[in-house]
Amino acid sequence: MDPLSQVRLILTHSLKLGPRGEKLSASSPLLGALPELDSLALASILTSFEEQLGIKIEDDEINAETFATLGSLSDFVARKLAGQHG
């Protein structure tokens, strides 16, 4: 599964978005656009990425731009995955 699909799936599950999550595209805004995406949800999502994708995310790697869109978040995850295998 590609990073975009993996991130969409984790977001949809973590935020309980249901069918709305399936409609998210790379250009879909996240931070500020999804009321479910609060600070508690952010922590849960990052933990899910670490557990389900086997990546380690440091606090200083995350900023508002990372969560700007589904595409920016999936690009971040793809870089983390590539860094672990290369």
PDB file of N, CA and C in Angstrom:
ATOM      1  N   MET A   1       0.847  -1.182   0.000  1.00  0.00           N
ATOM      2  CA  MET A   1       0.000   0.000   0.000  1.00  0.00           C
ATOM      3  C   MET A   1       0.895   1.249   0.000  1.00  0.00           C
ATOM      4  N   ASP A   2       0.553   2.216  -0.822  1.00  0.00           N
ATOM      5  CA  ASP A   2       1.357   3.438  -0.915  1.00  0.00           C
ATOM      6  C   ASP A   2       1.155   4.306   0.331  1.00  0.00           C
ATOM      7  N   PRO A   3       2.119   5.204   0.613  1.00  0.00           N
ATOM      8  CA  PRO A   3       2.026   6.035   1.820  1.00  0.00           C
ATOM      9  C   PRO A   3       0.735   6.855   1.902  1.00  0.00           C
ATOM     10  N   LEU A   4       0.265   7.391   0.776  1.00  0.00           N
ATOM     11  CA  LEU A   4      -0.965   8.187   0.801  1.00  0.00           C
ATOM     12  C   LEU A   4      -2.141   7.348   1.299  1.00  0.00           C
ATOM     13  N   SER A   5      -2.255   6.146   0.787  1.00  0.00           N
ATOM     14  CA  SER A   5      -3.350   5.259   1.212  1.00  0.00           C
ATOM     15  C   SER A   5      -3.199   4.852   2.670  1.00  0.00           C
ATOM     16  N   GLN A   6      -1.965   4.580   3.095  1.00  0.00           N
ATOM     17  CA  GLN A   6      -1.724   4.205   4.491  1.00  0.00           C
ATOM     18  C   GLN A   6      -2.098   5.343   5.433  1.00  0.00           C
ATOM     19  N   VAL A   7      -1.681   6.558   5.098  1.00  0.00           N
ATOM     20  CA  VAL A   7      -1.969   7.719   5.938  1.00  0.00           C
ATOM     21  C   VAL A   7      -3.473   7.976   5.968  1.00  0.00           C
ATOM     22  N   ARG A   8      -4.126   7.886   4.804  1.00  0.00           N
ATOM     23  CA  ARG A   8      -5.578   8.089   4.744  1.00  0.00           C
ATOM     24  C   ARG A   8      -6.287   7.073   5.635  1.00  0.00           C
ATOM     25  N   LEU A   9      -5.878   5.831   5.574  1.00  0.00           N
ATOM     26  CA  LEU A   9      -6.497   4.776   6.374  1.00  0.00           C
ATOM     27  C   LEU A   9      -6.309   5.028   7.869  1.00  0.00           C
ATOM     28  N   ILE A  10      -5.099   5.380   8.280  1.00  0.00           N
ATOM     29  CA  ILE A  10      -4.829   5.638   9.704  1.00  0.00           C
ATOM     30  C   ILE A  10      -5.610   6.862  10.176  1.00  0.00           C
ATOM     31  N   LEU A  11      -5.646   7.922   9.373  1.00  0.00           N
ATOM     32  CA  LEU A  11      -6.406   9.118   9.743  1.00  0.00           C
ATOM     33  C   LEU A  11      -7.891   8.805   9.871  1.00  0.00           C
ATOM     34  N   THR A  12      -8.424   8.092   8.889  1.00  0.00           N
ATOM     35  CA  THR A  12      -9.847   7.761   8.887  1.00  0.00           C
ATOM     36  C   THR A  12     -10.208   6.948  10.118  1.00  0.00           C
ATOM     37  N   HIS A  13      -9.359   5.994  10.457  1.00  0.00           N
ATOM     38  CA  HIS A  13      -9.613   5.152  11.629  1.00  0.00           C
ATOM     39  C   HIS A  13      -9.435   5.943  12.923  1.00  0.00           C
ATOM     40  N   SER A  14      -8.332   6.664  13.045  1.00  0.00           N
ATOM     41  CA  SER A  14      -8.021   7.394  14.281  1.00  0.00           C
ATOM     42  C   SER A  14      -9.041   8.486  14.582  1.00  0.00           C
ATOM     43  N   LEU A  15      -9.494   9.176  13.534  1.00  0.00           N
ATOM     44  CA  LEU A  15     -10.422  10.290  13.719  1.00  0.00           C
ATOM     45  C   LEU A  15     -11.888   9.865  13.578  1.00  0.00           C
ATOM     46  N   LYS A  16     -12.082   8.572  13.277  1.00  0.00           N
ATOM     47  CA  LYS A  16     -13.433   8.034  13.088  1.00  0.00           C
ATOM     48  C   LYS A  16     -14.205   8.842  12.041  1.00  0.00           C
ATOM     49  N   LEU A  17     -13.578   9.032  10.895  1.00  0.00           N
ATOM     50  CA  LEU A  17     -14.164   9.845   9.829  1.00  0.00           C
ATOM     51  C   LEU A  17     -15.166   9.089   8.972  1.00  0.00           C
ATOM     52  N   GLY A  18     -15.106   7.759   8.987  1.00  0.00           N
ATOM     53  CA  GLY A  18     -16.024   6.974   8.170  1.00  0.00           C
ATOM     54  C   GLY A  18     -15.880   7.308   6.691  1.00  0.00           C
ATOM     55  N   PRO A  19     -17.013   7.431   5.975  1.00  0.00           N
ATOM     56  CA  PRO A  19     -16.971   7.689   4.530  1.00  0.00           C
ATOM     57  C   PRO A  19     -16.263   9.000   4.166  1.00  0.00           C
ATOM     58  N   ARG A  20     -16.262   9.984   5.060  1.00  0.00           N
ATOM     59  CA  ARG A  20     -15.558  11.240   4.766  1.00  0.00           C
ATOM     60  C   ARG A  20     -14.072  10.989   4.563  1.00  0.00           C
ATOM     61  N   GLY A  21     -13.509  10.052   5.314  1.00  0.00           N
ATOM     62  CA  GLY A  21     -12.086   9.756   5.197  1.00  0.00           C
ATOM     63  C   GLY A  21     -11.717   9.178   3.847  1.00  0.00           C
ATOM     64  N   GLU A  22     -12.615   8.384   3.296  1.00  0.00           N
ATOM     65  CA  GLU A  22     -12.355   7.764   1.999  1.00  0.00           C
ATOM     66  C   GLU A  22     -12.271   8.803   0.885  1.00  0.00           C
ATOM     67  N   LYS A  23     -12.884   9.956   1.095  1.00  0.00           N
ATOM     68  CA  LYS A  23     -12.915  11.001   0.070  1.00  0.00           C
ATOM     69  C   LYS A  23     -11.710  11.933   0.138  1.00  0.00           C
ATOM     70  N   LEU A  24     -10.863  11.784   1.151  1.00  0.00           N
ATOM     71  CA  LEU A  24      -9.696  12.657   1.289  1.00  0.00           C
ATOM     72  C   LEU A  24      -8.712  12.397   0.149  1.00  0.00           C
ATOM     73  N   SER A  25      -8.249  13.480  -0.466  1.00  0.00           N
ATOM     74  CA  SER A  25      -7.241  13.370  -1.523  1.00  0.00           C
ATOM     75  C   SER A  25      -5.963  14.049  -1.038  1.00  0.00           C
ATOM     76  N   ALA A  26      -4.924  13.970  -1.832  1.00  0.00           N
ATOM     77  CA  ALA A  26      -3.634  14.566  -1.455  1.00  0.00           C
ATOM     78  C   ALA A  26      -3.773  16.058  -1.165  1.00  0.00           C
ATOM     79  N   SER A  27      -4.684  16.736  -1.845  1.00  0.00           N
ATOM     80  CA  SER A  27      -4.833  18.178  -1.657  1.00  0.00           C
ATOM     81  C   SER A  27      -5.828  18.545  -0.549  1.00  0.00           C
ATOM     82  N   SER A  28      -6.435  17.557   0.089  1.00  0.00           N
ATOM     83  CA  SER A  28      -7.405  17.832   1.153  1.00  0.00           C
ATOM     84  C   SER A  28      -6.717  18.481   2.354  1.00  0.00           C
ATOM     85  N   PRO A  29      -7.219  19.652   2.784  1.00  0.00           N
ATOM     86  CA  PRO A  29      -6.642  20.289   3.975  1.00  0.00           C
ATOM     87  C   PRO A  29      -6.978  19.488   5.229  1.00  0.00           C
ATOM     88  N   LEU A  30      -6.049  19.449   6.167  1.00  0.00           N
ATOM     89  CA  LEU A  30      -6.262  18.704   7.409  1.00  0.00           C
ATOM     90  C   LEU A  30      -6.374  19.647   8.598  1.00  0.00           C
ATOM     91  N   LEU A  31      -5.254  20.232   8.993  1.00  0.00           N
ATOM     92  CA  LEU A  31      -5.215  21.069  10.187  1.00  0.00           C
ATOM     93  C   LEU A  31      -6.102  22.299   9.986  1.00  0.00           C
ATOM     94  N   GLY A  32      -7.077  22.455  10.846  1.00  0.00           N
ATOM     95  CA  GLY A  32      -8.011  23.564  10.733  1.00  0.00           C
ATOM     96  C   GLY A  32      -9.236  23.242   9.901  1.00  0.00           C
ATOM     97  N   ALA A  33      -9.161  22.176   9.111  1.00  0.00           N
ATOM     98  CA  ALA A  33     -10.294  21.805   8.260  1.00  0.00           C
ATOM     99  C   ALA A  33     -11.089  20.637   8.837  1.00  0.00           C
ATOM    100  N   LEU A  34     -10.430  19.807   9.630  1.00  0.00           N
ATOM    101  CA  LEU A  34     -11.109  18.671  10.257  1.00  0.00           C
ATOM    102  C   LEU A  34     -11.257  18.963  11.750  1.00  0.00           C
ATOM    103  N   PRO A  35     -12.482  19.192  12.212  1.00  0.00           N
ATOM    104  CA  PRO A  35     -12.674  19.498  13.640  1.00  0.00           C
ATOM    105  C   PRO A  35     -12.170  18.378  14.553  1.00  0.00           C
ATOM    106  N   GLU A  36     -12.161  17.158  14.048  1.00  0.00           N
ATOM    107  CA  GLU A  36     -11.704  16.012  14.842  1.00  0.00           C
ATOM    108  C   GLU A  36     -10.199  16.044  15.098  1.00  0.00           C
ATOM    109  N   LEU A  37      -9.471  16.799  14.278  1.00  0.00           N
ATOM    110  CA  LEU A  37      -8.013  16.818  14.362  1.00  0.00           C
ATOM    111  C   LEU A  37      -7.554  17.868  15.379  1.00  0.00           C
ATOM    112  N   ASP A  38      -7.583  17.469  16.658  1.00  0.00           N
ATOM    113  CA  ASP A  38      -7.114  18.343  17.732  1.00  0.00           C
ATOM    114  C   ASP A  38      -5.784  17.818  18.259  1.00  0.00           C
ATOM    115  N   SER A  39      -5.260  18.441  19.300  1.00  0.00           N
ATOM    116  CA  SER A  39      -3.929  18.056  19.789  1.00  0.00           C
ATOM    117  C   SER A  39      -3.901  16.625  20.300  1.00  0.00           C
ATOM    118  N   LEU A  40      -4.967  16.174  20.920  1.00  0.00           N
ATOM    119  CA  LEU A  40      -5.026  14.796  21.401  1.00  0.00           C
ATOM    120  C   LEU A  40      -5.032  13.825  20.225  1.00  0.00           C
ATOM    121  N   ALA A  41      -5.792  14.169  19.196  1.00  0.00           N
ATOM    122  CA  ALA A  41      -5.850  13.324  18.003  1.00  0.00           C
ATOM    123  C   ALA A  41      -4.494  13.272  17.301  1.00  0.00           C
ATOM    124  N   LEU A  42      -3.782  14.406  17.274  1.00  0.00           N
ATOM    125  CA  LEU A  42      -2.451  14.426  16.660  1.00  0.00           C
ATOM    126  C   LEU A  42      -1.528  13.420  17.326  1.00  0.00           C
ATOM    127  N   ALA A  43      -1.529  13.409  18.643  1.00  0.00           N
ATOM    128  CA  ALA A  43      -0.680  12.470  19.382  1.00  0.00           C
ATOM    129  C   ALA A  43      -1.060  11.031  19.059  1.00  0.00           C
ATOM    130  N   SER A  44      -2.340  10.758  18.993  1.00  0.00           N
ATOM    131  CA  SER A  44      -2.819   9.412  18.680  1.00  0.00           C
ATOM    132  C   SER A  44      -2.413   8.989  17.273  1.00  0.00           C
ATOM    133  N   ILE A  45      -2.521   9.904  16.327  1.00  0.00           N
ATOM    134  CA  ILE A  45      -2.157   9.606  14.940  1.00  0.00           C
ATOM    135  C   ILE A  45      -0.661   9.321  14.820  1.00  0.00           C
ATOM    136  N   LEU A  46       0.151  10.135  15.465  1.00  0.00           N
ATOM    137  CA  LEU A  46       1.603   9.920  15.411  1.00  0.00           C
ATOM    138  C   LEU A  46       1.977   8.582  16.032  1.00  0.00           C
ATOM    139  N   THR A  47       1.321   8.227  17.128  1.00  0.00           N
ATOM    140  CA  THR A  47       1.561   6.920  17.756  1.00  0.00           C
ATOM    141  C   THR A  47       1.151   5.795  16.809  1.00  0.00           C
ATOM    142  N   SER A  48       0.029   5.965  16.131  1.00  0.00           N
ATOM    143  CA  SER A  48      -0.423   4.955  15.169  1.00  0.00           C
ATOM    144  C   SER A  48       0.578   4.792  14.030  1.00  0.00           C
ATOM    145  N   PHE A  49       1.112   5.913  13.527  1.00  0.00           N
ATOM    146  CA  PHE A  49       2.134   5.819  12.477  1.00  0.00           C
ATOM    147  C   PHE A  49       3.320   5.001  12.973  1.00  0.00           C
ATOM    148  N   GLU A  50       3.780   5.303  14.180  1.00  0.00           N
ATOM    149  CA  GLU A  50       4.939   4.598  14.725  1.00  0.00           C
ATOM    150  C   GLU A  50       4.657   3.104  14.889  1.00  0.00           C
ATOM    151  N   GLU A  51       3.502   2.779  15.433  1.00  0.00           N
ATOM    152  CA  GLU A  51       3.170   1.380  15.698  1.00  0.00           C
ATOM    153  C   GLU A  51       2.866   0.600  14.421  1.00  0.00           C
ATOM    154  N   GLN A  52       2.080   1.191  13.535  1.00  0.00           N
ATOM    155  CA  GLN A  52       1.630   0.460  12.357  1.00  0.00           C
ATOM    156  C   GLN A  52       2.632   0.474  11.203  1.00  0.00           C
ATOM    157  N   LEU A  53       3.434   1.525  11.129  1.00  0.00           N
ATOM    158  CA  LEU A  53       4.364   1.643  10.012  1.00  0.00           C
ATOM    159  C   LEU A  53       5.816   1.413  10.425  1.00  0.00           C
ATOM    160  N   GLY A  54       6.054   1.304  11.728  1.00  0.00           N
ATOM    161  CA  GLY A  54       7.396   1.011  12.208  1.00  0.00           C
ATOM    162  C   GLY A  54       8.373   2.159  12.044  1.00  0.00           C
ATOM    163  N   ILE A  55       7.867   3.393  12.131  1.00  0.00           N
ATOM    164  CA  ILE A  55       8.747   4.556  12.023  1.00  0.00           C
ATOM    165  C   ILE A  55       8.842   5.248  13.372  1.00  0.00           C
ATOM    166  N   LYS A  56       9.893   6.022  13.558  1.00  0.00           N
ATOM    167  CA  LYS A  56      10.077   6.804  14.783  1.00  0.00           C
ATOM    168  C   LYS A  56       9.956   8.273  14.419  1.00  0.00           C
ATOM    169  N   ILE A  57       9.083   8.981  15.127  1.00  0.00           N
ATOM    170  CA  ILE A  57       8.848  10.392  14.846  1.00  0.00           C
ATOM    171  C   ILE A  57       9.219  11.206  16.086  1.00  0.00           C
ATOM    172  N   GLU A  58      10.148  12.124  15.914  1.00  0.00           N
ATOM    173  CA  GLU A  58      10.560  13.006  17.002  1.00  0.00           C
ATOM    174  C   GLU A  58       9.641  14.225  17.033  1.00  0.00           C
ATOM    175  N   ASP A  59       9.447  14.776  18.223  1.00  0.00           N
ATOM    176  CA  ASP A  59       8.571  15.940  18.378  1.00  0.00           C
ATOM    177  C   ASP A  59       8.978  17.115  17.501  1.00  0.00           C
ATOM    178  N   ASP A  60      10.289  17.331  17.356  1.00  0.00           N
ATOM    179  CA  ASP A  60      10.750  18.488  16.587  1.00  0.00           C
ATOM    180  C   ASP A  60      10.633  18.303  15.073  1.00  0.00           C
ATOM    181  N   GLU A  61      10.184  17.130  14.636  1.00  0.00           N
ATOM    182  CA  GLU A  61       9.985  16.891  13.204  1.00  0.00           C
ATOM    183  C   GLU A  61       8.588  17.323  12.741  1.00  0.00           C
ATOM    184  N   ILE A  62       7.707  17.561  13.689  1.00  0.00           N
ATOM    185  CA  ILE A  62       6.312  17.844  13.378  1.00  0.00           C
ATOM    186  C   ILE A  62       6.022  19.333  13.522  1.00  0.00           C
ATOM    187  N   ASN A  63       5.350  19.877  12.515  1.00  0.00           N
ATOM    188  CA  ASN A  63       4.885  21.261  12.598  1.00  0.00           C
ATOM    189  C   ASN A  63       3.567  21.375  11.833  1.00  0.00           C
ATOM    190  N   ALA A  64       3.006  22.559  11.821  1.00  0.00           N
ATOM    191  CA  ALA A  64       1.704  22.764  11.165  1.00  0.00           C
ATOM    192  C   ALA A  64       1.763  22.424   9.679  1.00  0.00           C
ATOM    193  N   GLU A  65       2.906  22.686   9.031  1.00  0.00           N
ATOM    194  CA  GLU A  65       3.030  22.399   7.603  1.00  0.00           C
ATOM    195  C   GLU A  65       2.953  20.901   7.327  1.00  0.00           C
ATOM    196  N   THR A  66       3.430  20.089   8.264  1.00  0.00           N
ATOM    197  CA  THR A  66       3.364  18.638   8.094  1.00  0.00           C
ATOM    198  C   THR A  66       1.913  18.189   7.963  1.00  0.00           C
ATOM    199  N   PHE A  67       1.038  18.804   8.760  1.00  0.00           N
ATOM    200  CA  PHE A  67      -0.377  18.425   8.780  1.00  0.00           C
ATOM    201  C   PHE A  67      -1.244  19.374   7.948  1.00  0.00           C
ATOM    202  N   ALA A  68      -0.655  20.124   7.033  1.00  0.00           N
ATOM    203  CA  ALA A  68      -1.421  21.070   6.218  1.00  0.00           C
ATOM    204  C   ALA A  68      -2.422  20.341   5.322  1.00  0.00           C
ATOM    205  N   THR A  69      -1.949  19.319   4.617  1.00  0.00           N
ATOM    206  CA  THR A  69      -2.813  18.547   3.717  1.00  0.00           C
ATOM    207  C   THR A  69      -2.507  17.061   3.879  1.00  0.00           C
ATOM    208  N   LEU A  70      -3.374  16.240   3.342  1.00  0.00           N
ATOM    209  CA  LEU A  70      -3.107  14.803   3.358  1.00  0.00           C
ATOM    210  C   LEU A  70      -1.821  14.511   2.587  1.00  0.00           C
ATOM    211  N   GLY A  71      -1.593  15.252   1.509  1.00  0.00           N
ATOM    212  CA  GLY A  71      -0.377  15.061   0.716  1.00  0.00           C
ATOM    213  C   GLY A  71       0.883  15.403   1.490  1.00  0.00           C
ATOM    214  N   SER A  72       0.870  16.518   2.221  1.00  0.00           N
ATOM    215  CA  SER A  72       2.067  16.898   2.984  1.00  0.00           C
ATOM    216  C   SER A  72       2.347  15.888   4.091  1.00  0.00           C
ATOM    217  N   LEU A  73       1.296  15.367   4.701  1.00  0.00           N
ATOM    218  CA  LEU A  73       1.471  14.365   5.753  1.00  0.00           C
ATOM    219  C   LEU A  73       1.977  13.046   5.163  1.00  0.00           C
ATOM    220  N   SER A  74       1.430  12.641   4.048  1.00  0.00           N
ATOM    221  CA  SER A  74       1.884  11.384   3.441  1.00  0.00           C
ATOM    222  C   SER A  74       3.308  11.516   2.895  1.00  0.00           C
ATOM    223  N   ASP A  75       3.682  12.711   2.413  1.00  0.00           N
ATOM    224  CA  ASP A  75       5.068  12.931   1.977  1.00  0.00           C
ATOM    225  C   ASP A  75       6.023  12.777   3.158  1.00  0.00           C
ATOM    226  N   PHE A  76       5.639  13.326   4.309  1.00  0.00           N
ATOM    227  CA  PHE A  76       6.446  13.195   5.520  1.00  0.00           C
ATOM    228  C   PHE A  76       6.615  11.720   5.880  1.00  0.00           C
ATOM    229  N   VAL A  77       5.516  10.970   5.870  1.00  0.00           N
ATOM    230  CA  VAL A  77       5.573   9.546   6.199  1.00  0.00           C
ATOM    231  C   VAL A  77       6.435   8.793   5.186  1.00  0.00           C
ATOM    232  N   ALA A  78       6.292   9.122   3.914  1.00  0.00           N
ATOM    233  CA  ALA A  78       7.108   8.465   2.879  1.00  0.00           C
ATOM    234  C   ALA A  78       8.590   8.707   3.107  1.00  0.00           C
ATOM    235  N   ARG A  79       8.957   9.945   3.489  1.00  0.00           N
ATOM    236  CA  ARG A  79      10.367  10.246   3.783  1.00  0.00           C
ATOM    237  C   ARG A  79      10.863   9.433   4.983  1.00  0.00           C
ATOM    238  N   LYS A  80      10.010   9.305   5.998  1.00  0.00           N
ATOM    239  CA  LYS A  80      10.381   8.529   7.187  1.00  0.00           C
ATOM    240  C   LYS A  80      10.568   7.051   6.805  1.00  0.00           C
ATOM    241  N   LEU A  81       9.674   6.528   5.999  1.00  0.00           N
ATOM    242  CA  LEU A  81       9.774   5.128   5.581  1.00  0.00           C
ATOM    243  C   LEU A  81      11.014   4.912   4.727  1.00  0.00           C
ATOM    244  N   ALA A  82      11.320   5.822   3.832  1.00  0.00           N
ATOM    245  CA  ALA A  82      12.494   5.699   2.971  1.00  0.00           C
ATOM    246  C   ALA A  82      13.780   5.782   3.798  1.00  0.00           C
ATOM    247  N   GLY A  83      13.779   6.629   4.810  1.00  0.00           N
ATOM    248  CA  GLY A  83      14.951   6.782   5.661  1.00  0.00           C
ATOM    249  C   GLY A  83      15.271   5.532   6.451  1.00  0.00           C
ATOM    250  N   GLN A  84      14.271   4.743   6.741  1.00  0.00           N
ATOM    251  CA  GLN A  84      14.491   3.521   7.506  1.00  0.00           C
ATOM    252  C   GLN A  84      15.017   2.399   6.652  1.00  0.00           C
ATOM    253  N   HIS A  85      14.729   2.457   5.367  1.00  0.00           N
ATOM    254  CA  HIS A  85      15.118   1.352   4.479  1.00  0.00           C
ATOM    255  C   HIS A  85      16.297   1.715   3.595  1.00  0.00           C
ATOM    256  N   GLY A  86      16.883   2.859   3.820  1.00  0.00           N
ATOM    257  CA  GLY A  86      17.966   3.252   2.930  1.00  0.00           C
ATOM    258  C   GLY A  86      18.994   3.870   3.725  1.00  0.00           C
TER     259      GLY A  86
END
